[in-house]
Amino acid sequence: MEKVFKLLSDEEARILFGRHDENLKLIEREFGVKIIARGENLTISGAEKDVANTSRLFEQVLDIIRIGRPIRQHEILYAIKAIHQQVELDLHSIYLDKIEILSKKQFVTPKTSGQKAYVDAIRQFDIVFGIGPAGTGKTYLAMAMAINALKLGHVSRIVLTRPAVEAGESLGFLPGDLEEKISPYLRPLYDALYEMMDMDKVERFLGRGVIEVAPLAYMRGRTLNDAFIILDEAQNATAEQMKMFLTRLGFDSKTVITGDVTQSDLPRGKAVGLLQAEEVLKDIEGIKFIHFSGDDVVRHELVQDIIKAYDKYNGK
């Protein structure tokens, strides 16, 4: 069976083919088809089902490219996996969801259906839990949504927090004053901030208290109104800390809690607050739990394989 697509420009072909035709080679390998480009025509040949799946992919990818949105190889790989798994594929709703931020990058977009569901949940619910492995964009997308809410005037400040005890270490045994002790634990939050906002603006907002970055222990006794609050690395929060944090929510505020329950550094026998929260809060309307899988990892392809290998090992 054969199917022919007509390309509209050399630029369209360049984006679709990828560097050194790596996208075409990937698609040929994954679907078992032969793709030949001659002039403006792109011909797919192979078994009927394989050609149909490849055509389905090309139709959506070309539509995205033709409205000015570049497509990267990991996004094509995700689309291929979705087709293999017979998942309903709608690249438009995923890749065209633009979250405006405050940097030259201008906007962030979800990369998988899981990420899209997460972003939509943050828009709809006041408390959202994003649970899953590293590389799934839990913190990155939450940060983008927080900056977007600040930009649009939906909140007047952003509060970013993390538990400040990891890997069994106690702050009291670490060198330096309190700020030096907690700084390494909060560094990933600063990194995400600087990626989505110009440096001078970050410094100005931090100085004015529009953005606050603090350890989880600093949240005790506060009520956070008109704020977008993110608790990162929540798998390292105890059950008591999680309850304390969740009850900080004030009026006109939104909270996102992110974590990976397989990576908790809490001492053995200590209840993991993230696990307990899901059991306690699962039936409350207004709270949404989003679970990411290895298919939502948008880092190097090997990261997905590593996560799946560990999942398989731990499942034995």
C-alpha atoms as a PDB file:
ATOM      1  CA  MET A   1       0.000   0.000   0.000  1.00  0.00           C
ATOM      2  CA  GLU A   2       1.153   3.549  -0.735  1.00  0.00           C
ATOM      3  CA  LYS A   3       0.153   6.997   0.515  1.00  0.00           C
ATOM      4  CA  VAL A   4       1.509  10.290  -0.867  1.00  0.00           C
ATOM      5  CA  PHE A   5       1.762  13.561   1.048  1.00  0.00           C
ATOM      6  CA  LYS A   6       2.499  16.858  -0.698  1.00  0.00           C
ATOM      7  CA  LEU A   7       4.892  19.155   1.155  1.00  0.00           C
ATOM      8  CA  LEU A   8       4.357  22.895   0.802  1.00  0.00           C
ATOM      9  CA  SER A   9       7.900  24.199   1.273  1.00  0.00           C
ATOM     10  CA  ASP A  10      11.541  23.307   1.853  1.00  0.00           C
ATOM     11  CA  GLU A  11      11.252  24.692   5.410  1.00  0.00           C
ATOM     12  CA  GLU A  12       8.321  22.382   6.119  1.00  0.00           C
ATOM     13  CA  ALA A  13      10.349  19.433   4.855  1.00  0.00           C
ATOM     14  CA  ARG A  14      13.370  20.456   6.960  1.00  0.00           C
ATOM     15  CA  ILE A  15      11.324  20.537  10.175  1.00  0.00           C
ATOM     16  CA  LEU A  16       9.491  17.307   9.375  1.00  0.00           C
ATOM     17  CA  PHE A  17      12.593  15.345   8.341  1.00  0.00           C
ATOM     18  CA  GLY A  18      14.746  16.520  11.259  1.00  0.00           C
ATOM     19  CA  ARG A  19      18.504  16.842  11.323  1.00  0.00           C
ATOM     20  CA  HIS A  20      20.085  14.367   8.908  1.00  0.00           C
ATOM     21  CA  ASP A  21      16.572  12.952   8.286  1.00  0.00           C
ATOM     22  CA  GLU A  22      16.546  11.508  11.815  1.00  0.00           C
ATOM     23  CA  ASN A  23      12.762  11.933  12.174  1.00  0.00           C
ATOM     24  CA  LEU A  24      12.052   9.986   8.985  1.00  0.00           C
ATOM     25  CA  LYS A  25      14.449   7.227  10.015  1.00  0.00           C
ATOM     26  CA  LEU A  26      12.743   7.019  13.418  1.00  0.00           C
ATOM     27  CA  ILE A  27       9.279   6.787  11.845  1.00  0.00           C
ATOM     28  CA  GLU A  28      10.433   4.141   9.326  1.00  0.00           C
ATOM     29  CA  ARG A  29      11.935   2.054  12.118  1.00  0.00           C
ATOM     30  CA  GLU A  30       8.961   2.345  14.477  1.00  0.00           C
ATOM     31  CA  PHE A  31       6.228   1.664  11.903  1.00  0.00           C
ATOM     32  CA  GLY A  32       8.103  -0.663   9.560  1.00  0.00           C
ATOM     33  CA  VAL A  33       7.424   1.458   6.476  1.00  0.00           C
ATOM     34  CA  LYS A  34       9.510   2.911   3.662  1.00  0.00           C
ATOM     35  CA  ILE A  35       9.445   6.699   3.187  1.00  0.00           C
ATOM     36  CA  ILE A  36      10.752   8.268  -0.011  1.00  0.00           C
ATOM     37  CA  ALA A  37      10.983  12.021  -0.593  1.00  0.00           C
ATOM     38  CA  ARG A  38      11.063  13.225  -4.205  1.00  0.00           C
ATOM     39  CA  GLY A  39      10.592  16.916  -4.789  1.00  0.00           C
ATOM     40  CA  GLU A  40       7.423  18.023  -3.048  1.00  0.00           C
ATOM     41  CA  ASN A  41       6.059  14.478  -2.694  1.00  0.00           C
ATOM     42  CA  LEU A  42       6.538  12.246   0.320  1.00  0.00           C
ATOM     43  CA  THR A  43       5.587   8.628  -0.366  1.00  0.00           C
ATOM     44  CA  ILE A  44       4.900   6.072   2.376  1.00  0.00           C
ATOM     45  CA  SER A  45       4.820   2.388   1.419  1.00  0.00           C
ATOM     46  CA  GLY A  46       4.284  -0.768   3.442  1.00  0.00           C
ATOM     47  CA  ALA A  47       1.552  -2.889   5.007  1.00  0.00           C
ATOM     48  CA  GLU A  48      -1.890  -1.268   5.076  1.00  0.00           C
ATOM     49  CA  LYS A  49      -2.053  -0.861   8.872  1.00  0.00           C
ATOM     50  CA  ASP A  50       1.492   0.517   9.089  1.00  0.00           C
ATOM     51  CA  VAL A  51       0.885   3.038   6.296  1.00  0.00           C
ATOM     52  CA  ALA A  52      -2.390   4.088   7.938  1.00  0.00           C
ATOM     53  CA  ASN A  53      -0.644   4.683  11.288  1.00  0.00           C
ATOM     54  CA  THR A  54       2.182   6.609   9.635  1.00  0.00           C
ATOM     55  CA  SER A  55      -0.314   8.698   7.684  1.00  0.00           C
ATOM     56  CA  ARG A  56      -2.196   9.490  10.874  1.00  0.00           C
ATOM     57  CA  LEU A  57       1.047  10.726  12.392  1.00  0.00           C
ATOM     58  CA  PHE A  58       2.030  12.826   9.351  1.00  0.00           C
ATOM     59  CA  GLU A  59      -1.405  14.440   9.082  1.00  0.00           C
ATOM     60  CA  GLN A  60      -1.248  15.769  12.640  1.00  0.00           C
ATOM     61  CA  VAL A  61       2.443  16.689  12.617  1.00  0.00           C
ATOM     62  CA  LEU A  62       2.135  18.597   9.330  1.00  0.00           C
ATOM     63  CA  ASP A  63      -0.894  20.479  10.642  1.00  0.00           C
ATOM     64  CA  ILE A  64       1.146  21.593  13.644  1.00  0.00           C
ATOM     65  CA  ILE A  65       4.144  22.604  11.520  1.00  0.00           C
ATOM     66  CA  ARG A  66       1.935  24.576   9.117  1.00  0.00           C
ATOM     67  CA  ILE A  67       0.703  26.894  11.828  1.00  0.00           C
ATOM     68  CA  GLY A  68       4.250  27.764  12.830  1.00  0.00           C
ATOM     69  CA  ARG A  69       4.885  25.363  15.733  1.00  0.00           C
ATOM     70  CA  PRO A  70       8.196  23.431  15.418  1.00  0.00           C
ATOM     71  CA  ILE A  71       8.159  19.724  16.208  1.00  0.00           C
ATOM     72  CA  ARG A  72      11.035  18.075  18.069  1.00  0.00           C
ATOM     73  CA  GLN A  73      12.092  14.446  17.878  1.00  0.00           C
ATOM     74  CA  HIS A  74      10.972  13.517  21.412  1.00  0.00           C
ATOM     75  CA  GLU A  75       7.505  14.860  20.559  1.00  0.00           C
ATOM     76  CA  ILE A  76       7.342  12.688  17.446  1.00  0.00           C
ATOM     77  CA  LEU A  77       8.491   9.723  19.535  1.00  0.00           C
ATOM     78  CA  TYR A  78       5.692  10.376  22.030  1.00  0.00           C
ATOM     79  CA  ALA A  79       3.125  10.535  19.200  1.00  0.00           C
ATOM     80  CA  ILE A  80       4.440   7.251  17.774  1.00  0.00           C
ATOM     81  CA  LYS A  81       4.097   5.533  21.160  1.00  0.00           C
ATOM     82  CA  ALA A  82       0.554   6.840  21.532  1.00  0.00           C
ATOM     83  CA  ILE A  83      -0.380   5.403  18.136  1.00  0.00           C
ATOM     84  CA  HIS A  84       1.240   2.051  18.991  1.00  0.00           C
ATOM     85  CA  GLN A  85      -0.787   1.930  22.207  1.00  0.00           C
ATOM     86  CA  GLN A  86      -3.965   2.848  20.263  1.00  0.00           C
ATOM     87  CA  VAL A  87      -4.394   5.970  22.386  1.00  0.00           C
ATOM     88  CA  GLU A  88      -6.590   8.719  20.953  1.00  0.00           C
ATOM     89  CA  LEU A  89      -4.060  11.204  19.579  1.00  0.00           C
ATOM     90  CA  ASP A  90      -4.783  14.917  19.381  1.00  0.00           C
ATOM     91  CA  LEU A  91      -1.513  16.797  18.998  1.00  0.00           C
ATOM     92  CA  HIS A  92      -3.388  20.047  18.452  1.00  0.00           C
ATOM     93  CA  SER A  93      -4.842  20.164  21.967  1.00  0.00           C
ATOM     94  CA  ILE A  94      -1.475  19.221  23.505  1.00  0.00           C
ATOM     95  CA  TYR A  95       1.143  21.175  21.566  1.00  0.00           C
ATOM     96  CA  LEU A  96      -0.928  24.302  20.917  1.00  0.00           C
ATOM     97  CA  ASP A  97      -1.705  24.917  24.594  1.00  0.00           C
ATOM     98  CA  LYS A  98       0.559  27.922  25.158  1.00  0.00           C
ATOM     99  CA  ILE A  99       1.318  28.926  28.752  1.00  0.00           C
ATOM    100  CA  GLU A 100       2.661  32.476  28.575  1.00  0.00           C
ATOM    101  CA  ILE A 101       5.623  33.224  30.861  1.00  0.00           C
ATOM    102  CA  LEU A 102       7.890  36.217  31.547  1.00  0.00           C
ATOM    103  CA  SER A 103      10.996  35.524  29.468  1.00  0.00           C
ATOM    104  CA  LYS A 104      12.260  35.713  25.910  1.00  0.00           C
ATOM    105  CA  LYS A 105      11.066  32.128  25.533  1.00  0.00           C
ATOM    106  CA  GLN A 106       7.543  33.650  25.757  1.00  0.00           C
ATOM    107  CA  PHE A 107       5.588  30.453  26.385  1.00  0.00           C
ATOM    108  CA  VAL A 108       5.737  26.846  27.578  1.00  0.00           C
ATOM    109  CA  THR A 109       3.654  24.003  26.160  1.00  0.00           C
ATOM    110  CA  PRO A 110       2.779  20.520  27.440  1.00  0.00           C
ATOM    111  CA  LYS A 111       4.467  17.683  25.562  1.00  0.00           C
ATOM    112  CA  THR A 112       2.269  14.666  26.359  1.00  0.00           C
ATOM    113  CA  SER A 113      -1.390  13.939  27.069  1.00  0.00           C
ATOM    114  CA  GLY A 114      -0.460  13.403  30.735  1.00  0.00           C
ATOM    115  CA  GLN A 115       1.121  16.844  30.902  1.00  0.00           C
ATOM    116  CA  LYS A 116      -1.897  18.361  29.154  1.00  0.00           C
ATOM    117  CA  ALA A 117      -4.233  16.761  31.718  1.00  0.00           C
ATOM    118  CA  TYR A 118      -2.022  18.173  34.498  1.00  0.00           C
ATOM    119  CA  VAL A 119      -2.132  21.717  33.079  1.00  0.00           C
ATOM    120  CA  ASP A 120      -5.903  21.516  32.614  1.00  0.00           C
ATOM    121  CA  ALA A 121      -6.298  20.268  36.200  1.00  0.00           C
ATOM    122  CA  ILE A 122      -4.283  23.208  37.547  1.00  0.00           C
ATOM    123  CA  ARG A 123      -6.591  25.568  35.661  1.00  0.00           C
ATOM    124  CA  GLN A 124      -9.715  23.890  37.050  1.00  0.00           C
ATOM    125  CA  PHE A 125      -8.883  22.857  40.633  1.00  0.00           C
ATOM    126  CA  ASP A 126      -7.576  24.800  43.640  1.00  0.00           C
ATOM    127  CA  ILE A 127      -5.405  21.905  44.864  1.00  0.00           C
ATOM    128  CA  VAL A 128      -3.619  19.604  42.407  1.00  0.00           C
ATOM    129  CA  PHE A 129      -1.185  16.771  43.126  1.00  0.00           C
ATOM    130  CA  GLY A 130       1.286  15.871  40.370  1.00  0.00           C
ATOM    131  CA  ILE A 131       2.770  12.460  41.176  1.00  0.00           C
ATOM    132  CA  GLY A 132       5.271  10.610  39.026  1.00  0.00           C
ATOM    133  CA  PRO A 133       8.896  10.007  38.034  1.00  0.00           C
ATOM    134  CA  ALA A 134      11.599  12.553  37.304  1.00  0.00           C
ATOM    135  CA  GLY A 135      11.512  14.259  33.922  1.00  0.00           C
ATOM    136  CA  THR A 136       7.730  14.364  33.559  1.00  0.00           C
ATOM    137  CA  GLY A 137       7.551  18.155  33.914  1.00  0.00           C
ATOM    138  CA  LYS A 138       5.707  18.206  37.238  1.00  0.00           C
ATOM    139  CA  THR A 139       7.590  21.137  38.732  1.00  0.00           C
ATOM    140  CA  TYR A 140       8.419  22.844  35.432  1.00  0.00           C
ATOM    141  CA  LEU A 141       4.792  23.075  34.295  1.00  0.00           C
ATOM    142  CA  ALA A 142       3.586  24.069  37.771  1.00  0.00           C
ATOM    143  CA  MET A 143       6.127  26.898  37.743  1.00  0.00           C
ATOM    144  CA  ALA A 144       4.975  27.987  34.275  1.00  0.00           C
ATOM    145  CA  MET A 145       1.352  28.045  35.454  1.00  0.00           C
ATOM    146  CA  ALA A 146       2.336  30.056  38.541  1.00  0.00           C
ATOM    147  CA  ILE A 147       4.172  32.675  36.482  1.00  0.00           C
ATOM    148  CA  ASN A 148       1.273  32.776  34.034  1.00  0.00           C
ATOM    149  CA  ALA A 149      -1.192  33.366  36.895  1.00  0.00           C
ATOM    150  CA  LEU A 150       1.009  36.196  38.191  1.00  0.00           C
ATOM    151  CA  LYS A 151       1.308  37.727  34.729  1.00  0.00           C
ATOM    152  CA  LEU A 152      -2.466  37.652  34.188  1.00  0.00           C
ATOM    153  CA  GLY A 153      -3.157  39.114  37.636  1.00  0.00           C
ATOM    154  CA  HIS A 154      -4.941  36.019  38.939  1.00  0.00           C
ATOM    155  CA  VAL A 155      -2.635  36.030  41.988  1.00  0.00           C
ATOM    156  CA  SER A 156      -0.434  38.701  43.555  1.00  0.00           C
ATOM    157  CA  ARG A 157       2.440  36.451  44.594  1.00  0.00           C
ATOM    158  CA  ILE A 158       4.104  33.069  44.165  1.00  0.00           C
ATOM    159  CA  VAL A 159       5.256  30.920  47.090  1.00  0.00           C
ATOM    160  CA  LEU A 160       7.683  28.087  46.347  1.00  0.00           C
ATOM    161  CA  THR A 161       8.639  25.586  49.014  1.00  0.00           C
ATOM    162  CA  ARG A 162      10.414  22.271  49.558  1.00  0.00           C
ATOM    163  CA  PRO A 163      11.141  20.032  52.538  1.00  0.00           C
ATOM    164  CA  ALA A 164      14.682  20.945  53.630  1.00  0.00           C
ATOM    165  CA  VAL A 165      15.790  17.535  54.861  1.00  0.00           C
ATOM    166  CA  GLU A 166      16.921  14.913  52.368  1.00  0.00           C
ATOM    167  CA  ALA A 167      19.039  11.778  52.243  1.00  0.00           C
ATOM    168  CA  GLY A 168      18.879  11.418  56.027  1.00  0.00           C
ATOM    169  CA  GLU A 169      20.871  14.619  56.657  1.00  0.00           C
ATOM    170  CA  SER A 170      19.963  17.049  59.427  1.00  0.00           C
ATOM    171  CA  LEU A 171      20.344  20.780  58.845  1.00  0.00           C
ATOM    172  CA  GLY A 172      22.082  21.161  62.176  1.00  0.00           C
ATOM    173  CA  PHE A 173      25.029  19.094  61.003  1.00  0.00           C
ATOM    174  CA  LEU A 174      25.530  20.990  57.761  1.00  0.00           C
ATOM    175  CA  PRO A 175      28.095  23.829  57.563  1.00  0.00           C
ATOM    176  CA  GLY A 176      27.188  27.530  57.379  1.00  0.00           C
ATOM    177  CA  ASP A 177      24.380  29.743  58.659  1.00  0.00           C
ATOM    178  CA  LEU A 178      20.691  28.902  58.139  1.00  0.00           C
ATOM    179  CA  GLU A 179      20.502  30.474  54.677  1.00  0.00           C
ATOM    180  CA  GLU A 180      23.600  28.555  53.537  1.00  0.00           C
ATOM    181  CA  LYS A 181      22.215  25.326  54.980  1.00  0.00           C
ATOM    182  CA  ILE A 182      18.881  25.488  53.129  1.00  0.00           C
ATOM    183  CA  SER A 183      20.093  27.039  49.867  1.00  0.00           C
ATOM    184  CA  PRO A 184      21.106  23.736  48.163  1.00  0.00           C
ATOM    185  CA  TYR A 185      17.638  22.258  48.781  1.00  0.00           C
ATOM    186  CA  LEU A 186      15.903  25.223  47.142  1.00  0.00           C
ATOM    187  CA  ARG A 187      18.322  25.635  44.218  1.00  0.00           C
ATOM    188  CA  PRO A 188      16.179  23.664  41.687  1.00  0.00           C
ATOM    189  CA  LEU A 189      13.295  26.084  42.287  1.00  0.00           C
ATOM    190  CA  TYR A 190      15.536  29.054  41.567  1.00  0.00           C
ATOM    191  CA  ASP A 191      16.819  27.304  38.417  1.00  0.00           C
ATOM    192  CA  ALA A 192      13.266  26.908  37.091  1.00  0.00           C
ATOM    193  CA  LEU A 193      12.490  30.543  37.933  1.00  0.00           C
ATOM    194  CA  TYR A 194      15.505  31.884  36.041  1.00  0.00           C
ATOM    195  CA  GLU A 195      14.594  29.770  33.013  1.00  0.00           C
ATOM    196  CA  MET A 196      11.083  31.226  32.785  1.00  0.00           C
ATOM    197  CA  MET A 197      11.702  34.804  33.855  1.00  0.00           C
ATOM    198  CA  ASP A 198      14.391  37.378  33.079  1.00  0.00           C
ATOM    199  CA  MET A 199      17.040  37.480  35.805  1.00  0.00           C
ATOM    200  CA  ASP A 200      16.518  41.138  36.757  1.00  0.00           C
ATOM    201  CA  LYS A 201      12.768  40.535  37.099  1.00  0.00           C
ATOM    202  CA  VAL A 202      13.339  37.497  39.328  1.00  0.00           C
ATOM    203  CA  GLU A 203      15.644  39.501  41.588  1.00  0.00           C
ATOM    204  CA  ARG A 204      13.167  42.382  41.738  1.00  0.00           C
ATOM    205  CA  PHE A 205      10.234  40.093  42.580  1.00  0.00           C
ATOM    206  CA  LEU A 206      12.260  38.244  45.214  1.00  0.00           C
ATOM    207  CA  GLY A 207      13.288  41.547  46.790  1.00  0.00           C
ATOM    208  CA  ARG A 208       9.696  42.804  46.915  1.00  0.00           C
ATOM    209  CA  GLY A 209       8.285  39.505  48.202  1.00  0.00           C
ATOM    210  CA  VAL A 210       6.213  38.938  45.065  1.00  0.00           C
ATOM    211  CA  ILE A 211       8.067  35.625  44.804  1.00  0.00           C
ATOM    212  CA  GLU A 212       9.056  33.776  47.970  1.00  0.00           C
ATOM    213  CA  VAL A 213      11.258  30.674  48.080  1.00  0.00           C
ATOM    214  CA  ALA A 214      11.410  29.030  51.496  1.00  0.00           C
ATOM    215  CA  PRO A 215      11.714  25.653  53.257  1.00  0.00           C
ATOM    216  CA  LEU A 216       8.487  23.868  54.117  1.00  0.00           C
ATOM    217  CA  ALA A 217       9.008  24.455  57.853  1.00  0.00           C
ATOM    218  CA  TYR A 218       8.609  28.207  57.231  1.00  0.00           C
ATOM    219  CA  MET A 219       4.977  27.680  56.157  1.00  0.00           C
ATOM    220  CA  ARG A 220       3.792  26.811  59.678  1.00  0.00           C
ATOM    221  CA  GLY A 221       1.279  29.231  61.186  1.00  0.00           C
ATOM    222  CA  ARG A 222       0.643  31.146  57.956  1.00  0.00           C
ATOM    223  CA  THR A 223      -2.451  31.664  55.803  1.00  0.00           C
ATOM    224  CA  LEU A 224      -1.584  32.266  52.143  1.00  0.00           C
ATOM    225  CA  ASN A 225      -4.188  34.396  50.383  1.00  0.00           C
ATOM    226  CA  ASP A 226      -4.104  35.497  46.727  1.00  0.00           C
ATOM    227  CA  ALA A 227      -1.107  33.263  46.041  1.00  0.00           C
ATOM    228  CA  PHE A 228       0.038  30.450  43.770  1.00  0.00           C
ATOM    229  CA  ILE A 229       1.800  27.962  46.045  1.00  0.00           C
ATOM    230  CA  ILE A 230       4.007  25.071  44.896  1.00  0.00           C
ATOM    231  CA  LEU A 231       5.260  22.332  47.201  1.00  0.00           C
ATOM    232  CA  ASP A 232       8.034  20.498  45.369  1.00  0.00           C
ATOM    233  CA  GLU A 233       9.641  17.157  46.320  1.00  0.00           C
ATOM    234  CA  ALA A 234       6.603  16.421  48.479  1.00  0.00           C
ATOM    235  CA  GLN A 235       7.643  12.790  48.908  1.00  0.00           C
ATOM    236  CA  ASN A 236      10.057  14.122  51.569  1.00  0.00           C
ATOM    237  CA  ALA A 237       7.267  15.739  53.593  1.00  0.00           C
ATOM    238  CA  THR A 238       6.029  13.853  56.646  1.00  0.00           C
ATOM    239  CA  ALA A 239       2.327  13.259  57.197  1.00  0.00           C
ATOM    240  CA  GLU A 240       2.282  16.062  59.799  1.00  0.00           C
ATOM    241  CA  GLN A 241       4.040  18.493  57.438  1.00  0.00           C
ATOM    242  CA  MET A 242       1.668  17.663  54.590  1.00  0.00           C
ATOM    243  CA  LYS A 243      -1.407  18.350  56.736  1.00  0.00           C
ATOM    244  CA  MET A 244       0.175  21.599  57.942  1.00  0.00           C
ATOM    245  CA  PHE A 245       0.938  22.694  54.376  1.00  0.00           C
ATOM    246  CA  LEU A 246      -2.469  21.844  52.918  1.00  0.00           C
ATOM    247  CA  THR A 247      -4.219  23.883  55.602  1.00  0.00           C
ATOM    248  CA  ARG A 248      -2.226  27.028  54.665  1.00  0.00           C
ATOM    249  CA  LEU A 249      -4.455  27.605  51.623  1.00  0.00           C
ATOM    250  CA  GLY A 250      -6.213  30.960  51.792  1.00  0.00           C
ATOM    251  CA  PHE A 251      -8.780  32.778  49.661  1.00  0.00           C
ATOM    252  CA  ASP A 252      -8.131  33.235  45.921  1.00  0.00           C
ATOM    253  CA  SER A 253      -5.155  30.876  46.094  1.00  0.00           C
ATOM    254  CA  LYS A 254      -4.084  27.788  44.206  1.00  0.00           C
ATOM    255  CA  THR A 255      -1.777  25.007  45.383  1.00  0.00           C
ATOM    256  CA  VAL A 256       0.203  22.435  43.409  1.00  0.00           C
ATOM    257  CA  ILE A 257       2.009  19.585  45.160  1.00  0.00           C
ATOM    258  CA  THR A 258       4.594  17.591  43.190  1.00  0.00           C
ATOM    259  CA  GLY A 259       6.525  14.483  44.087  1.00  0.00           C
ATOM    260  CA  ASP A 260       7.724  10.989  43.255  1.00  0.00           C
ATOM    261  CA  VAL A 261       6.663   8.474  45.908  1.00  0.00           C
ATOM    262  CA  THR A 262       9.442   6.074  44.852  1.00  0.00           C
ATOM    263  CA  GLN A 263      12.140   8.607  45.773  1.00  0.00           C
ATOM    264  CA  SER A 264      11.368   9.443  49.397  1.00  0.00           C
ATOM    265  CA  ASP A 265      14.360  10.183  51.642  1.00  0.00           C
ATOM    266  CA  LEU A 266      12.359  10.079  54.870  1.00  0.00           C
ATOM    267  CA  PRO A 267      13.700   7.783  57.589  1.00  0.00           C
ATOM    268  CA  ARG A 268      12.380   4.229  57.521  1.00  0.00           C
ATOM    269  CA  GLY A 269       9.110   3.947  59.413  1.00  0.00           C
ATOM    270  CA  LYS A 270       8.212   7.624  58.928  1.00  0.00           C
ATOM    271  CA  ALA A 271       4.863   8.076  57.182  1.00  0.00           C
ATOM    272  CA  VAL A 272       5.215   9.636  53.712  1.00  0.00           C
ATOM    273  CA  GLY A 273       2.814  12.570  53.658  1.00  0.00           C
ATOM    274  CA  LEU A 274       2.280  12.367  49.911  1.00  0.00           C
ATOM    275  CA  LEU A 275       1.051   8.771  50.103  1.00  0.00           C
ATOM    276  CA  GLN A 276      -1.162   9.442  53.088  1.00  0.00           C
ATOM    277  CA  ALA A 277      -2.652  12.561  51.479  1.00  0.00           C
ATOM    278  CA  GLU A 278      -3.887  10.621  48.470  1.00  0.00           C
ATOM    279  CA  GLU A 279      -5.602   8.071  50.699  1.00  0.00           C
ATOM    280  CA  VAL A 280      -7.174  10.701  52.970  1.00  0.00           C
ATOM    281  CA  LEU A 281      -8.198  13.252  50.312  1.00  0.00           C
ATOM    282  CA  LYS A 282      -9.135  11.075  47.321  1.00  0.00           C
ATOM    283  CA  ASP A 283     -12.889  11.667  47.668  1.00  0.00           C
ATOM    284  CA  ILE A 284     -12.810  15.444  48.222  1.00  0.00           C
ATOM    285  CA  GLU A 285     -14.189  17.512  45.345  1.00  0.00           C
ATOM    286  CA  GLY A 286     -11.920  20.376  44.372  1.00  0.00           C
ATOM    287  CA  ILE A 287      -8.757  18.304  44.785  1.00  0.00           C
ATOM    288  CA  LYS A 288      -7.268  16.512  41.775  1.00  0.00           C
ATOM    289  CA  PHE A 289      -4.569  13.842  41.621  1.00  0.00           C
ATOM    290  CA  ILE A 290      -2.647  13.480  38.345  1.00  0.00           C
ATOM    291  CA  HIS A 291      -0.376  10.459  37.966  1.00  0.00           C
ATOM    292  CA  PHE A 292       2.445  10.579  35.416  1.00  0.00           C
ATOM    293  CA  SER A 293       4.088   7.524  33.862  1.00  0.00           C
ATOM    294  CA  GLY A 294       7.328   6.817  32.039  1.00  0.00           C
ATOM    295  CA  ASP A 295       5.548   7.791  28.806  1.00  0.00           C
ATOM    296  CA  ASP A 296       5.337  11.374  30.110  1.00  0.00           C
ATOM    297  CA  VAL A 297       9.113  11.689  30.538  1.00  0.00           C
ATOM    298  CA  VAL A 298      10.383  14.378  28.177  1.00  0.00           C
ATOM    299  CA  ARG A 299      14.077  14.072  28.908  1.00  0.00           C
ATOM    300  CA  HIS A 300      16.523  11.928  26.958  1.00  0.00           C
ATOM    301  CA  GLU A 301      14.962   8.727  25.603  1.00  0.00           C
ATOM    302  CA  LEU A 302      17.267   6.690  27.858  1.00  0.00           C
ATOM    303  CA  VAL A 303      15.645   8.261  30.940  1.00  0.00           C
ATOM    304  CA  GLN A 304      12.348   6.603  29.967  1.00  0.00           C
ATOM    305  CA  ASP A 305      14.110   3.254  29.601  1.00  0.00           C
ATOM    306  CA  ILE A 306      15.858   3.683  32.975  1.00  0.00           C
ATOM    307  CA  ILE A 307      12.560   4.488  34.743  1.00  0.00           C
ATOM    308  CA  LYS A 308      10.814   1.489  33.177  1.00  0.00           C
ATOM    309  CA  ALA A 309      13.714  -0.805  34.085  1.00  0.00           C
ATOM    310  CA  TYR A 310      13.553   0.283  37.735  1.00  0.00           C
ATOM    311  CA  ASP A 311       9.751  -0.069  37.781  1.00  0.00           C
ATOM    312  CA  LYS A 312      10.116  -3.605  36.455  1.00  0.00           C
ATOM    313  CA  TYR A 313      12.844  -4.421  38.989  1.00  0.00           C
ATOM    314  CA  ASN A 314      10.893  -3.007  41.949  1.00  0.00           C
ATOM    315  CA  GLY A 315       7.775  -4.869  40.824  1.00  0.00           C
ATOM    316  CA  LYS A 316       9.420  -8.266  41.204  1.00  0.00           C
END
